[in-house]
Amino acid sequence: MTMQEPTFFILTALVRSPLHGYGVMQAVEQLSGGRVVLKAGTLYAALERLTATGLIVVDREEAVAGRLRRYYVLSDDGRGALEAAVERMRSDATVAATRLREAFGFGVAVQHG
């Protein structure tokens, strides 16, 4: 199954360290070069879905100014799903680059790993 772009960037945002919702929102926008801008409702629905499916887990919760701030991390299953998505994208890009090169004598070089 193809991973949707917002999910891809949410998981990518959580690779290095735990982030709270607003941190995820900012990271997704930055990592996507501004292509993916998540509204709060969309983000929190996605975080709930990704938690329910085991791709991310709650790392910790803390109270800040009377509000609960929940930090999320990538789970092992999430890491595997993200790695599979990256490999699928790499494979798809290689196929497209090869066809461009064959058809037009030039194309985008695909970087591997």
PDB file of N, CA and C in Angstrom:
ATOM      1  N   MET A   1       0.838  -1.184   0.000  1.00  0.00           N
ATOM      2  CA  MET A   1       0.000   0.000   0.000  1.00  0.00           C
ATOM      3  C   MET A   1       0.882   1.246   0.000  1.00  0.00           C
ATOM      4  N   THR A   2       0.507   2.220  -0.782  1.00  0.00           N
ATOM      5  CA  THR A   2       1.272   3.450  -0.891  1.00  0.00           C
ATOM      6  C   THR A   2       1.033   4.329   0.331  1.00  0.00           C
ATOM      7  N   MET A   3       2.112   4.869   0.859  1.00  0.00           N
ATOM      8  CA  MET A   3       2.020   5.768   2.008  1.00  0.00           C
ATOM      9  C   MET A   3       1.705   7.175   1.510  1.00  0.00           C
ATOM     10  N   GLN A   4       0.716   7.799   2.111  1.00  0.00           N
ATOM     11  CA  GLN A   4       0.356   9.166   1.751  1.00  0.00           C
ATOM     12  C   GLN A   4       1.471  10.124   2.155  1.00  0.00           C
ATOM     13  N   GLU A   5       1.623  11.208   1.404  1.00  0.00           N
ATOM     14  CA  GLU A   5       2.710  12.156   1.647  1.00  0.00           C
ATOM     15  C   GLU A   5       2.703  12.739   3.065  1.00  0.00           C
ATOM     16  N   PRO A   6       1.550  13.145   3.625  1.00  0.00           N
ATOM     17  CA  PRO A   6       1.585  13.649   5.005  1.00  0.00           C
ATOM     18  C   PRO A   6       2.095  12.603   5.999  1.00  0.00           C
ATOM     19  N   THR A   7       1.660  11.359   5.849  1.00  0.00           N
ATOM     20  CA  THR A   7       2.128  10.287   6.727  1.00  0.00           C
ATOM     21  C   THR A   7       3.628  10.097   6.583  1.00  0.00           C
ATOM     22  N   PHE A   8       4.110  10.095   5.349  1.00  0.00           N
ATOM     23  CA  PHE A   8       5.538   9.953   5.092  1.00  0.00           C
ATOM     24  C   PHE A   8       6.330  11.023   5.841  1.00  0.00           C
ATOM     25  N   PHE A   9       5.890  12.257   5.762  1.00  0.00           N
ATOM     26  CA  PHE A   9       6.632  13.336   6.412  1.00  0.00           C
ATOM     27  C   PHE A   9       6.449  13.357   7.925  1.00  0.00           C
ATOM     28  N   ILE A  10       5.307  12.913   8.435  1.00  0.00           N
ATOM     29  CA  ILE A  10       5.145  12.798   9.893  1.00  0.00           C
ATOM     30  C   ILE A  10       6.126  11.762  10.426  1.00  0.00           C
ATOM     31  N   LEU A  11       6.193  10.606   9.789  1.00  0.00           N
ATOM     32  CA  LEU A  11       7.129   9.567  10.233  1.00  0.00           C
ATOM     33  C   LEU A  11       8.569  10.052  10.101  1.00  0.00           C
ATOM     34  N   THR A  12       8.877  10.734   9.006  1.00  0.00           N
ATOM     35  CA  THR A  12      10.227  11.264   8.797  1.00  0.00           C
ATOM     36  C   THR A  12      10.586  12.272   9.883  1.00  0.00           C
ATOM     37  N   ALA A  13       9.631  13.096  10.270  1.00  0.00           N
ATOM     38  CA  ALA A  13       9.872  14.102  11.312  1.00  0.00           C
ATOM     39  C   ALA A  13      10.246  13.457  12.641  1.00  0.00           C
ATOM     40  N   LEU A  14       9.754  12.251  12.879  1.00  0.00           N
ATOM     41  CA  LEU A  14       9.972  11.587  14.167  1.00  0.00           C
ATOM     42  C   LEU A  14      11.173  10.647  14.180  1.00  0.00           C
ATOM     43  N   VAL A  15      11.951  10.626  13.118  1.00  0.00           N
ATOM     44  CA  VAL A  15      13.098   9.715  13.037  1.00  0.00           C
ATOM     45  C   VAL A  15      14.157  10.027  14.088  1.00  0.00           C
ATOM     46  N   ARG A  16      14.502  11.283  14.271  1.00  0.00           N
ATOM     47  CA  ARG A  16      15.654  11.637  15.115  1.00  0.00           C
ATOM     48  C   ARG A  16      15.349  11.789  16.592  1.00  0.00           C
ATOM     49  N   SER A  17      14.178  12.323  16.923  1.00  0.00           N
ATOM     50  CA  SER A  17      13.891  12.581  18.336  1.00  0.00           C
ATOM     51  C   SER A  17      12.395  12.766  18.542  1.00  0.00           C
ATOM     52  N   PRO A  18      11.949  12.633  19.795  1.00  0.00           N
ATOM     53  CA  PRO A  18      10.529  12.846  20.091  1.00  0.00           C
ATOM     54  C   PRO A  18      10.125  14.292  19.802  1.00  0.00           C
ATOM     55  N   LEU A  19       8.915  14.454  19.300  1.00  0.00           N
ATOM     56  CA  LEU A  19       8.360  15.784  19.040  1.00  0.00           C
ATOM     57  C   LEU A  19       6.918  15.831  19.527  1.00  0.00           C
ATOM     58  N   HIS A  20       6.492  16.997  19.977  1.00  0.00           N
ATOM     59  CA  HIS A  20       5.081  17.204  20.299  1.00  0.00           C
ATOM     60  C   HIS A  20       4.374  17.636  19.023  1.00  0.00           C
ATOM     61  N   GLY A  21       3.056  17.716  19.080  1.00  0.00           N
ATOM     62  CA  GLY A  21       2.265  17.988  17.882  1.00  0.00           C
ATOM     63  C   GLY A  21       2.705  19.198  17.089  1.00  0.00           C
ATOM     64  N   TYR A  22       2.885  20.333  17.765  1.00  0.00           N
ATOM     65  CA  TYR A  22       3.287  21.545  17.048  1.00  0.00           C
ATOM     66  C   TYR A  22       4.677  21.373  16.430  1.00  0.00           C
ATOM     67  N   GLY A  23       5.568  20.676  17.131  1.00  0.00           N
ATOM     68  CA  GLY A  23       6.898  20.397  16.591  1.00  0.00           C
ATOM     69  C   GLY A  23       6.823  19.535  15.343  1.00  0.00           C
ATOM     70  N   VAL A  24       5.923  18.549  15.353  1.00  0.00           N
ATOM     71  CA  VAL A  24       5.717  17.707  14.170  1.00  0.00           C
ATOM     72  C   VAL A  24       5.214  18.570  13.012  1.00  0.00           C
ATOM     73  N   MET A  25       4.249  19.442  13.300  1.00  0.00           N
ATOM     74  CA  MET A  25       3.678  20.313  12.271  1.00  0.00           C
ATOM     75  C   MET A  25       4.764  21.166  11.610  1.00  0.00           C
ATOM     76  N   GLN A  26       5.626  21.766  12.419  1.00  0.00           N
ATOM     77  CA  GLN A  26       6.707  22.600  11.887  1.00  0.00           C
ATOM     78  C   GLN A  26       7.711  21.771  11.094  1.00  0.00           C
ATOM     79  N   ALA A  27       8.080  20.599  11.630  1.00  0.00           N
ATOM     80  CA  ALA A  27       9.061  19.747  10.960  1.00  0.00           C
ATOM     81  C   ALA A  27       8.548  19.262   9.609  1.00  0.00           C
ATOM     82  N   VAL A  28       7.278  18.880   9.542  1.00  0.00           N
ATOM     83  CA  VAL A  28       6.694  18.410   8.285  1.00  0.00           C
ATOM     84  C   VAL A  28       6.760  19.508   7.225  1.00  0.00           C
ATOM     85  N   GLU A  29       6.405  20.716   7.604  1.00  0.00           N
ATOM     86  CA  GLU A  29       6.455  21.824   6.642  1.00  0.00           C
ATOM     87  C   GLU A  29       7.888  22.059   6.161  1.00  0.00           C
ATOM     88  N   GLN A  30       8.841  22.030   7.089  1.00  0.00           N
ATOM     89  CA  GLN A  30      10.252  22.261   6.740  1.00  0.00           C
ATOM     90  C   GLN A  30      10.800  21.120   5.879  1.00  0.00           C
ATOM     91  N   LEU A  31      10.561  19.880   6.285  1.00  0.00           N
ATOM     92  CA  LEU A  31      11.091  18.726   5.551  1.00  0.00           C
ATOM     93  C   LEU A  31      10.513  18.620   4.140  1.00  0.00           C
ATOM     94  N   SER A  32       9.266  19.042   3.977  1.00  0.00           N
ATOM     95  CA  SER A  32       8.611  18.939   2.668  1.00  0.00           C
ATOM     96  C   SER A  32       8.858  20.169   1.796  1.00  0.00           C
ATOM     97  N   GLY A  33       9.677  21.084   2.270  1.00  0.00           N
ATOM     98  CA  GLY A  33       9.924  22.303   1.509  1.00  0.00           C
ATOM     99  C   GLY A  33       8.674  23.157   1.359  1.00  0.00           C
ATOM    100  N   GLY A  34       7.768  23.041   2.334  1.00  0.00           N
ATOM    101  CA  GLY A  34       6.538  23.819   2.310  1.00  0.00           C
ATOM    102  C   GLY A  34       5.404  23.206   1.509  1.00  0.00           C
ATOM    103  N   ARG A  35       5.628  22.043   0.900  1.00  0.00           N
ATOM    104  CA  ARG A  35       4.579  21.383   0.109  1.00  0.00           C
ATOM    105  C   ARG A  35       3.472  20.813   0.980  1.00  0.00           C
ATOM    106  N   VAL A  36       3.833  20.347   2.181  1.00  0.00           N
ATOM    107  CA  VAL A  36       2.853  19.753   3.093  1.00  0.00           C
ATOM    108  C   VAL A  36       2.732  20.653   4.313  1.00  0.00           C
ATOM    109  N   VAL A  37       1.579  21.272   4.446  1.00  0.00           N
ATOM    110  CA  VAL A  37       1.291  22.130   5.593  1.00  0.00           C
ATOM    111  C   VAL A  37       0.063  21.536   6.275  1.00  0.00           C
ATOM    112  N   LEU A  38       0.267  21.015   7.476  1.00  0.00           N
ATOM    113  CA  LEU A  38      -0.810  20.334   8.188  1.00  0.00           C
ATOM    114  C   LEU A  38      -1.558  21.295   9.104  1.00  0.00           C
ATOM    115  N   LYS A  39      -2.865  21.261   9.040  1.00  0.00           N
ATOM    116  CA  LYS A  39      -3.705  21.984   9.990  1.00  0.00           C
ATOM    117  C   LYS A  39      -3.789  21.135  11.263  1.00  0.00           C
ATOM    118  N   ALA A  40      -4.072  21.771  12.378  1.00  0.00           N
ATOM    119  CA  ALA A  40      -4.076  21.074  13.668  1.00  0.00           C
ATOM    120  C   ALA A  40      -5.007  19.863  13.668  1.00  0.00           C
ATOM    121  N   GLY A  41      -6.220  20.015  13.166  1.00  0.00           N
ATOM    122  CA  GLY A  41      -7.164  18.896  13.166  1.00  0.00           C
ATOM    123  C   GLY A  41      -6.673  17.714  12.356  1.00  0.00           C
ATOM    124  N   THR A  42      -6.102  17.996  11.193  1.00  0.00           N
ATOM    125  CA  THR A  42      -5.554  16.944  10.333  1.00  0.00           C
ATOM    126  C   THR A  42      -4.388  16.256  11.010  1.00  0.00           C
ATOM    127  N   LEU A  43      -3.501  17.046  11.615  1.00  0.00           N
ATOM    128  CA  LEU A  43      -2.332  16.490  12.284  1.00  0.00           C
ATOM    129  C   LEU A  43      -2.734  15.574  13.425  1.00  0.00           C
ATOM    130  N   TYR A  44      -3.603  16.040  14.308  1.00  0.00           N
ATOM    131  CA  TYR A  44      -3.939  15.242  15.483  1.00  0.00           C
ATOM    132  C   TYR A  44      -4.723  13.991  15.120  1.00  0.00           C
ATOM    133  N   ALA A  45      -5.539  14.044  14.080  1.00  0.00           N
ATOM    134  CA  ALA A  45      -6.208  12.835  13.590  1.00  0.00           C
ATOM    135  C   ALA A  45      -5.173  11.845  13.064  1.00  0.00           C
ATOM    136  N   ALA A  46      -4.173  12.342  12.337  1.00  0.00           N
ATOM    137  CA  ALA A  46      -3.112  11.473  11.814  1.00  0.00           C
ATOM    138  C   ALA A  46      -2.289  10.877  12.951  1.00  0.00           C
ATOM    139  N   LEU A  47      -1.950  11.685  13.958  1.00  0.00           N
ATOM    140  CA  LEU A  47      -1.182  11.170  15.096  1.00  0.00           C
ATOM    141  C   LEU A  47      -1.962  10.079  15.829  1.00  0.00           C
ATOM    142  N   GLU A  48      -3.266  10.265  16.001  1.00  0.00           N
ATOM    143  CA  GLU A  48      -4.093   9.226  16.636  1.00  0.00           C
ATOM    144  C   GLU A  48      -4.099   7.956  15.802  1.00  0.00           C
ATOM    145  N   ARG A  49      -4.269   8.104  14.484  1.00  0.00           N
ATOM    146  CA  ARG A  49      -4.298   6.936  13.590  1.00  0.00           C
ATOM    147  C   ARG A  49      -2.960   6.209  13.604  1.00  0.00           C
ATOM    148  N   LEU A  50      -1.858   6.964  13.538  1.00  0.00           N
ATOM    149  CA  LEU A  50      -0.530   6.347  13.526  1.00  0.00           C
ATOM    150  C   LEU A  50      -0.213   5.682  14.861  1.00  0.00           C
ATOM    151  N   THR A  51      -0.722   6.243  15.957  1.00  0.00           N
ATOM    152  CA  THR A  51      -0.556   5.616  17.269  1.00  0.00           C
ATOM    153  C   THR A  51      -1.379   4.329  17.332  1.00  0.00           C
ATOM    154  N   ALA A  52      -2.621   4.382  16.864  1.00  0.00           N
ATOM    155  CA  ALA A  52      -3.503   3.211  16.889  1.00  0.00           C
ATOM    156  C   ALA A  52      -2.956   2.064  16.048  1.00  0.00           C
ATOM    157  N   THR A  53      -2.273   2.390  14.954  1.00  0.00           N
ATOM    158  CA  THR A  53      -1.723   1.346  14.083  1.00  0.00           C
ATOM    159  C   THR A  53      -0.312   0.931  14.489  1.00  0.00           C
ATOM    160  N   GLY A  54       0.233   1.567  15.524  1.00  0.00           N
ATOM    161  CA  GLY A  54       1.534   1.165  16.048  1.00  0.00           C
ATOM    162  C   GLY A  54       2.734   1.715  15.304  1.00  0.00           C
ATOM    163  N   LEU A  55       2.535   2.674  14.406  1.00  0.00           N
ATOM    164  CA  LEU A  55       3.676   3.227  13.674  1.00  0.00           C
ATOM    165  C   LEU A  55       4.418   4.283  14.484  1.00  0.00           C
ATOM    166  N   ILE A  56       3.718   4.908  15.424  1.00  0.00           N
ATOM    167  CA  ILE A  56       4.352   5.818  16.376  1.00  0.00           C
ATOM    168  C   ILE A  56       3.837   5.474  17.768  1.00  0.00           C
ATOM    169  N   VAL A  57       4.570   5.900  18.787  1.00  0.00           N
ATOM    170  CA  VAL A  57       4.141   5.693  20.171  1.00  0.00           C
ATOM    171  C   VAL A  57       4.325   6.995  20.940  1.00  0.00           C
ATOM    172  N   VAL A  58       3.570   7.120  22.023  1.00  0.00           N
ATOM    173  CA  VAL A  58       3.727   8.278  22.897  1.00  0.00           C
ATOM    174  C   VAL A  58       4.976   8.054  23.738  1.00  0.00           C
ATOM    175  N   ASP A  59       5.897   8.988  23.672  1.00  0.00           N
ATOM    176  CA  ASP A  59       7.144   8.921  24.428  1.00  0.00           C
ATOM    177  C   ASP A  59       6.938   9.423  25.851  1.00  0.00           C
ATOM    178  N   ARG A  60       6.249  10.561  25.967  1.00  0.00           N
ATOM    179  CA  ARG A  60       5.978  11.138  27.289  1.00  0.00           C
ATOM    180  C   ARG A  60       4.924  12.228  27.152  1.00  0.00           C
ATOM    181  N   GLU A  61       4.380  12.618  28.292  1.00  0.00           N
ATOM    182  CA  GLU A  61       3.431  13.722  28.348  1.00  0.00           C
ATOM    183  C   GLU A  61       3.899  14.679  29.420  1.00  0.00           C
ATOM    184  N   GLU A  62       3.707  15.968  29.187  1.00  0.00           N
ATOM    185  CA  GLU A  62       4.052  16.957  30.204  1.00  0.00           C
ATOM    186  C   GLU A  62       3.035  18.090  30.157  1.00  0.00           C
ATOM    187  N   ALA A  63       2.806  18.695  31.308  1.00  0.00           N
ATOM    188  CA  ALA A  63       1.888  19.831  31.384  1.00  0.00           C
ATOM    189  C   ALA A  63       2.673  21.115  31.144  1.00  0.00           C
ATOM    190  N   VAL A  64       2.197  21.916  30.199  1.00  0.00           N
ATOM    191  CA  VAL A  64       2.817  23.201  29.881  1.00  0.00           C
ATOM    192  C   VAL A  64       1.703  24.242  29.881  1.00  0.00           C
ATOM    193  N   ALA A  65       1.820  25.211  30.770  1.00  0.00           N
ATOM    194  CA  ALA A  65       0.809  26.274  30.891  1.00  0.00           C
ATOM    195  C   ALA A  65      -0.595  25.690  31.034  1.00  0.00           C
ATOM    196  N   GLY A  66      -0.707  24.629  31.840  1.00  0.00           N
ATOM    197  CA  GLY A  66      -2.005  24.025  32.096  1.00  0.00           C
ATOM    198  C   GLY A  66      -2.541  23.138  30.993  1.00  0.00           C
ATOM    199  N   ARG A  67      -1.750  22.927  29.950  1.00  0.00           N
ATOM    200  CA  ARG A  67      -2.178  22.060  28.840  1.00  0.00           C
ATOM    201  C   ARG A  67      -1.245  20.866  28.739  1.00  0.00           C
ATOM    202  N   LEU A  68      -1.814  19.742  28.352  1.00  0.00           N
ATOM    203  CA  LEU A  68      -1.029  18.523  28.209  1.00  0.00           C
ATOM    204  C   LEU A  68      -0.311  18.533  26.866  1.00  0.00           C
ATOM    205  N   ARG A  69       1.002  18.353  26.898  1.00  0.00           N
ATOM    206  CA  ARG A  69       1.807  18.274  25.678  1.00  0.00           C
ATOM    207  C   ARG A  69       2.293  16.827  25.562  1.00  0.00           C
ATOM    208  N   ARG A  70       1.928  16.183  24.476  1.00  0.00           N
ATOM    209  CA  ARG A  70       2.275  14.778  24.247  1.00  0.00           C
ATOM    210  C   ARG A  70       3.391  14.712  23.208  1.00  0.00           C
ATOM    211  N   TYR A  71       4.444  13.964  23.531  1.00  0.00           N
ATOM    212  CA  TYR A  71       5.578  13.780  22.622  1.00  0.00           C
ATOM    213  C   TYR A  71       5.482  12.394  21.990  1.00  0.00           C
ATOM    214  N   TYR A  72       5.752  12.333  20.701  1.00  0.00           N
ATOM    215  CA  TYR A  72       5.659  11.094  19.937  1.00  0.00           C
ATOM    216  C   TYR A  72       7.029  10.688  19.416  1.00  0.00           C
ATOM    217  N   VAL A  73       7.222   9.367  19.265  1.00  0.00           N
ATOM    218  CA  VAL A  73       8.437   8.827  18.653  1.00  0.00           C
ATOM    219  C   VAL A  73       8.041   7.763  17.632  1.00  0.00           C
ATOM    220  N   LEU A  74       8.932   7.523  16.720  1.00  0.00           N
ATOM    221  CA  LEU A  74       8.759   6.482  15.714  1.00  0.00           C
ATOM    222  C   LEU A  74       8.947   5.122  16.383  1.00  0.00           C
ATOM    223  N   SER A  75       8.036   4.192  16.145  1.00  0.00           N
ATOM    224  CA  SER A  75       8.185   2.833  16.671  1.00  0.00           C
ATOM    225  C   SER A  75       9.035   2.007  15.704  1.00  0.00           C
ATOM    226  N   ASP A  76       9.387   0.798  16.112  1.00  0.00           N
ATOM    227  CA  ASP A  76      10.122  -0.096  15.208  1.00  0.00           C
ATOM    228  C   ASP A  76       9.292  -0.393  13.956  1.00  0.00           C
ATOM    229  N   ASP A  77       7.986  -0.601  14.139  1.00  0.00           N
ATOM    230  CA  ASP A  77       7.113  -0.833  12.977  1.00  0.00           C
ATOM    231  C   ASP A  77       7.062   0.395  12.079  1.00  0.00           C
ATOM    232  N   GLY A  78       7.055   1.575  12.694  1.00  0.00           N
ATOM    233  CA  GLY A  78       7.058   2.816  11.927  1.00  0.00           C
ATOM    234  C   GLY A  78       8.331   2.972  11.124  1.00  0.00           C
ATOM    235  N   ARG A  79       9.443   2.623  11.757  1.00  0.00           N
ATOM    236  CA  ARG A  79      10.728   2.682  11.047  1.00  0.00           C
ATOM    237  C   ARG A  79      10.711   1.742   9.843  1.00  0.00           C
ATOM    238  N   GLY A  80      10.209   0.533  10.040  1.00  0.00           N
ATOM    239  CA  GLY A  80      10.129  -0.423   8.937  1.00  0.00           C
ATOM    240  C   GLY A  80       9.228   0.065   7.813  1.00  0.00           C
ATOM    241  N   ALA A  81       8.093   0.656   8.179  1.00  0.00           N
ATOM    242  CA  ALA A  81       7.166   1.180   7.168  1.00  0.00           C
ATOM    243  C   ALA A  81       7.798   2.335   6.400  1.00  0.00           C
ATOM    244  N   LEU A  82       8.511   3.206   7.117  1.00  0.00           N
ATOM    245  CA  LEU A  82       9.167   4.336   6.456  1.00  0.00           C
ATOM    246  C   LEU A  82      10.289   3.853   5.545  1.00  0.00           C
ATOM    247  N   GLU A  83      11.081   2.898   6.005  1.00  0.00           N
ATOM    248  CA  GLU A  83      12.148   2.348   5.160  1.00  0.00           C
ATOM    249  C   GLU A  83      11.569   1.714   3.901  1.00  0.00           C
ATOM    250  N   ALA A  84      10.454   0.988   4.037  1.00  0.00           N
ATOM    251  CA  ALA A  84       9.813   0.362   2.876  1.00  0.00           C
ATOM    252  C   ALA A  84       9.306   1.425   1.902  1.00  0.00           C
ATOM    253  N   ALA A  85       8.739   2.508   2.431  1.00  0.00           N
ATOM    254  CA  ALA A  85       8.251   3.591   1.566  1.00  0.00           C
ATOM    255  C   ALA A  85       9.400   4.253   0.819  1.00  0.00           C
ATOM    256  N   VAL A  86      10.511   4.479   1.517  1.00  0.00           N
ATOM    257  CA  VAL A  86      11.685   5.089   0.879  1.00  0.00           C
ATOM    258  C   VAL A  86      12.198   4.184  -0.240  1.00  0.00           C
ATOM    259  N   GLU A  87      12.271   2.892   0.025  1.00  0.00           N
ATOM    260  CA  GLU A  87      12.768   1.961  -0.989  1.00  0.00           C
ATOM    261  C   GLU A  87      11.831   1.915  -2.194  1.00  0.00           C
ATOM    262  N   ARG A  88      10.520   1.941  -1.945  1.00  0.00           N
ATOM    263  CA  ARG A  88       9.558   1.931  -3.048  1.00  0.00           C
ATOM    264  C   ARG A  88       9.713   3.194  -3.891  1.00  0.00           C
ATOM    265  N   MET A  89       9.851   4.344  -3.231  1.00  0.00           N
ATOM    266  CA  MET A  89      10.032   5.607  -3.963  1.00  0.00           C
ATOM    267  C   MET A  89      11.324   5.594  -4.772  1.00  0.00           C
ATOM    268  N   ARG A  90      12.379   5.070  -4.167  1.00  0.00           N
ATOM    269  CA  ARG A  90      13.670   4.990  -4.863  1.00  0.00           C
ATOM    270  C   ARG A  90      13.538   4.107  -6.104  1.00  0.00           C
ATOM    271  N   SER A  91      12.877   2.965  -5.954  1.00  0.00           N
ATOM    272  CA  SER A  91      12.689   2.049  -7.074  1.00  0.00           C
ATOM    273  C   SER A  91      11.849   2.693  -8.174  1.00  0.00           C
ATOM    274  N   ASP A  92      10.763   3.361  -7.779  1.00  0.00           N
ATOM    275  CA  ASP A  92       9.905   4.034  -8.762  1.00  0.00           C
ATOM    276  C   ASP A  92      10.666   5.131  -9.499  1.00  0.00           C
ATOM    277  N   ALA A  93      11.466   5.906  -8.774  1.00  0.00           N
ATOM    278  CA  ALA A  93      12.248   6.984  -9.389  1.00  0.00           C
ATOM    279  C   ALA A  93      13.279   6.420 -10.362  1.00  0.00           C
ATOM    280  N   THR A  94      13.875   5.285 -10.017  1.00  0.00           N
ATOM    281  CA  THR A  94      14.851   4.649 -10.899  1.00  0.00           C
ATOM    282  C   THR A  94      14.194   4.220 -12.210  1.00  0.00           C
ATOM    283  N   VAL A  95      13.009   3.628 -12.120  1.00  0.00           N
ATOM    284  CA  VAL A  95      12.276   3.212 -13.319  1.00  0.00           C
ATOM    285  C   VAL A  95      11.983   4.423 -14.203  1.00  0.00           C
ATOM    286  N   ALA A  96      11.485   5.498 -13.609  1.00  0.00           N
ATOM    287  CA  ALA A  96      11.150   6.698 -14.385  1.00  0.00           C
ATOM    288  C   ALA A  96      12.397   7.320 -15.001  1.00  0.00           C
ATOM    289  N   ALA A  97      13.487   7.415 -14.233  1.00  0.00           N
ATOM    290  CA  ALA A  97      14.731   8.003 -14.742  1.00  0.00           C
ATOM    291  C   ALA A  97      15.286   7.178 -15.900  1.00  0.00           C
ATOM    292  N   THR A  98      15.214   5.866 -15.782  1.00  0.00           N
ATOM    293  CA  THR A  98      15.696   4.985 -16.846  1.00  0.00           C
ATOM    294  C   THR A  98      14.887   5.195 -18.122  1.00  0.00           C
ATOM    295  N   ARG A  99      13.585   5.277 -17.995  1.00  0.00           N
ATOM    296  CA  ARG A  99      12.738   5.476 -19.180  1.00  0.00           C
ATOM    297  C   ARG A  99      12.982   6.844 -19.814  1.00  0.00           C
ATOM    298  N   LEU A 100      13.176   7.869 -19.011  1.00  0.00           N
ATOM    299  CA  LEU A 100      13.505   9.192 -19.554  1.00  0.00           C
ATOM    300  C   LEU A 100      14.818   9.152 -20.326  1.00  0.00           C
ATOM    301  N   ARG A 101      15.815   8.500 -19.737  1.00  0.00           N
ATOM    302  CA  ARG A 101      17.125   8.392 -20.375  1.00  0.00           C
ATOM    303  C   ARG A 101      17.006   7.628 -21.691  1.00  0.00           C
ATOM    304  N   GLU A 102      16.259   6.520 -21.691  1.00  0.00           N
ATOM    305  CA  GLU A 102      16.096   5.718 -22.902  1.00  0.00           C
ATOM    306  C   GLU A 102      15.332   6.484 -23.989  1.00  0.00           C
ATOM    307  N   ALA A 103      14.336   7.234 -23.596  1.00  0.00           N
ATOM    308  CA  ALA A 103      13.492   7.934 -24.568  1.00  0.00           C
ATOM    309  C   ALA A 103      14.123   9.213 -25.098  1.00  0.00           C
ATOM    310  N   PHE A 104      14.840   9.924 -24.234  1.00  0.00           N
ATOM    311  CA  PHE A 104      15.319  11.251 -24.616  1.00  0.00           C
ATOM    312  C   PHE A 104      16.826  11.420 -24.514  1.00  0.00           C
ATOM    313  N   GLY A 105      17.511  10.385 -24.075  1.00  0.00           N
ATOM    314  CA  GLY A 105      18.962  10.463 -23.981  1.00  0.00           C
ATOM    315  C   GLY A 105      19.460  11.230 -22.773  1.00  0.00           C
ATOM    316  N   PHE A 106      18.567  11.572 -21.904  1.00  0.00           N
ATOM    317  CA  PHE A 106      18.961  12.256 -20.670  1.00  0.00           C
ATOM    318  C   PHE A 106      17.903  11.940 -19.621  1.00  0.00           C
ATOM    319  N   GLY A 107      18.162  12.339 -18.435  1.00  0.00           N
ATOM    320  CA  GLY A 107      17.195  12.106 -17.364  1.00  0.00           C
ATOM    321  C   GLY A 107      17.793  12.439 -16.025  1.00  0.00           C
ATOM    322  N   VAL A 108      17.003  12.300 -15.046  1.00  0.00           N
ATOM    323  CA  VAL A 108      17.411  12.597 -13.680  1.00  0.00           C
ATOM    324  C   VAL A 108      18.163  11.400 -13.126  1.00  0.00           C
ATOM    325  N   ALA A 109      19.349  11.643 -12.609  1.00  0.00           N
ATOM    326  CA  ALA A 109      20.096  10.569 -11.955  1.00  0.00           C
ATOM    327  C   ALA A 109      19.481  10.330 -10.587  1.00  0.00           C
ATOM    328  N   VAL A 110      19.299   9.083 -10.225  1.00  0.00           N
ATOM    329  CA  VAL A 110      18.724   8.728  -8.929  1.00  0.00           C
ATOM    330  C   VAL A 110      19.850   8.315  -8.005  1.00  0.00           C
ATOM    331  N   GLN A 111      19.933   8.979  -6.861  1.00  0.00           N
ATOM    332  CA  GLN A 111      20.966   8.670  -5.865  1.00  0.00           C
ATOM    333  C   GLN A 111      20.541   7.458  -5.052  1.00  0.00           C
ATOM    334  N   HIS A 112      21.454   6.550  -4.842  1.00  0.00           N
ATOM    335  CA  HIS A 112      21.190   5.383  -3.998  1.00  0.00           C
ATOM    336  C   HIS A 112      22.003   5.511  -2.738  1.00  0.00           C
ATOM    337  N   GLY A 113      21.302   5.297  -1.636  1.00  0.00           N
ATOM    338  CA  GLY A 113      21.782   5.232  -0.385  1.00  0.00           C
ATOM    339  C   GLY A 113      22.753   5.692   0.428  1.00  0.00           C
TER     340      GLY A 113
END
